[in-house]
Amino acid sequence: MNASKRIPVTKVVWEELGRLKRAGQTYDELLMEMIEEHKKGLLFREMRAIEERGDFVELE
């Protein structure tokens, strides 16, 4: 089993997390989902920037 850690958050953040969490979903699952979505967003922004700069090589 993984070690647990505490992350202090404000009441506002706690309430927002509670609104985002689906029934039966743990906060750990919610945070992991948010992390993955953030990573995807970073990837797509980087891909867009590369395309705008024309900094790529087409594959044949």
Protein backbone atom coordinates (compact mmCIF):
# COMPACT_ATOMS: atom_id res chain seq x y z
CA MET A 1 0.00 0.00 0.00
CA ASN A 2 1.19 3.50 -0.81
CA ALA A 3 2.05 5.94 1.95
CA SER A 4 -0.48 8.68 2.59
CA LYS A 5 0.40 12.36 2.67
CA ARG A 6 -1.60 15.34 3.81
CA ILE A 7 -2.00 18.36 1.59
CA PRO A 8 -3.26 21.48 3.34
CA VAL A 9 -5.85 23.37 1.29
CA THR A 10 -8.13 26.30 1.99
CA LYS A 11 -11.81 25.75 2.67
CA VAL A 12 -12.62 27.19 -0.76
CA VAL A 13 -10.35 24.68 -2.52
CA TRP A 14 -11.76 21.80 -0.43
CA GLU A 15 -15.31 22.79 -1.39
CA GLU A 16 -14.40 23.08 -5.08
CA LEU A 17 -12.78 19.64 -5.01
CA GLY A 18 -15.89 18.26 -3.36
CA ARG A 19 -18.03 19.67 -6.18
CA LEU A 20 -15.79 18.10 -8.81
CA LYS A 21 -15.65 14.67 -7.17
CA ARG A 22 -18.09 12.11 -8.55
CA ALA A 23 -20.08 9.76 -6.33
CA GLY A 24 -17.83 6.89 -5.21
CA GLN A 25 -14.68 8.62 -6.46
CA THR A 26 -11.86 9.14 -3.98
CA TYR A 27 -9.98 12.41 -3.70
CA ASP A 28 -6.88 10.49 -4.79
CA GLU A 29 -8.64 9.40 -7.98
CA LEU A 30 -9.93 12.92 -8.58
CA LEU A 31 -6.49 14.45 -8.17
CA MET A 32 -4.89 11.85 -10.45
CA GLU A 33 -7.55 12.58 -13.09
CA MET A 34 -6.85 16.31 -12.76
CA ILE A 35 -3.11 15.71 -13.09
CA GLU A 36 -3.59 13.65 -16.26
CA GLU A 37 -5.87 16.32 -17.77
CA HIS A 38 -3.30 18.99 -16.95
CA LYS A 39 -0.55 16.96 -18.62
CA LYS A 40 -2.71 16.54 -21.75
CA GLY A 41 -3.32 20.29 -21.81
CA LEU A 42 0.40 20.98 -21.60
CA LEU A 43 1.09 18.53 -24.42
CA PHE A 44 -1.54 20.07 -26.69
CA ARG A 45 -0.31 23.60 -25.98
CA GLU A 46 3.24 22.53 -26.82
CA MET A 47 2.06 20.80 -30.00
CA ARG A 48 0.21 23.97 -31.04
CA ALA A 49 3.29 26.10 -30.36
CA ILE A 50 5.46 23.75 -32.43
CA GLU A 51 2.95 23.90 -35.28
CA GLU A 52 2.77 27.71 -35.13
CA ARG A 53 6.57 27.98 -35.21
CA GLY A 54 6.72 25.50 -38.10
CA ASP A 55 9.25 23.64 -36.01
CA PHE A 56 8.48 20.11 -37.22
CA VAL A 57 9.38 17.61 -39.88
CA GLU A 58 6.67 15.92 -41.93
CA LEU A 59 6.79 12.13 -42.12
CA GLU A 60 6.22 10.48 -45.46
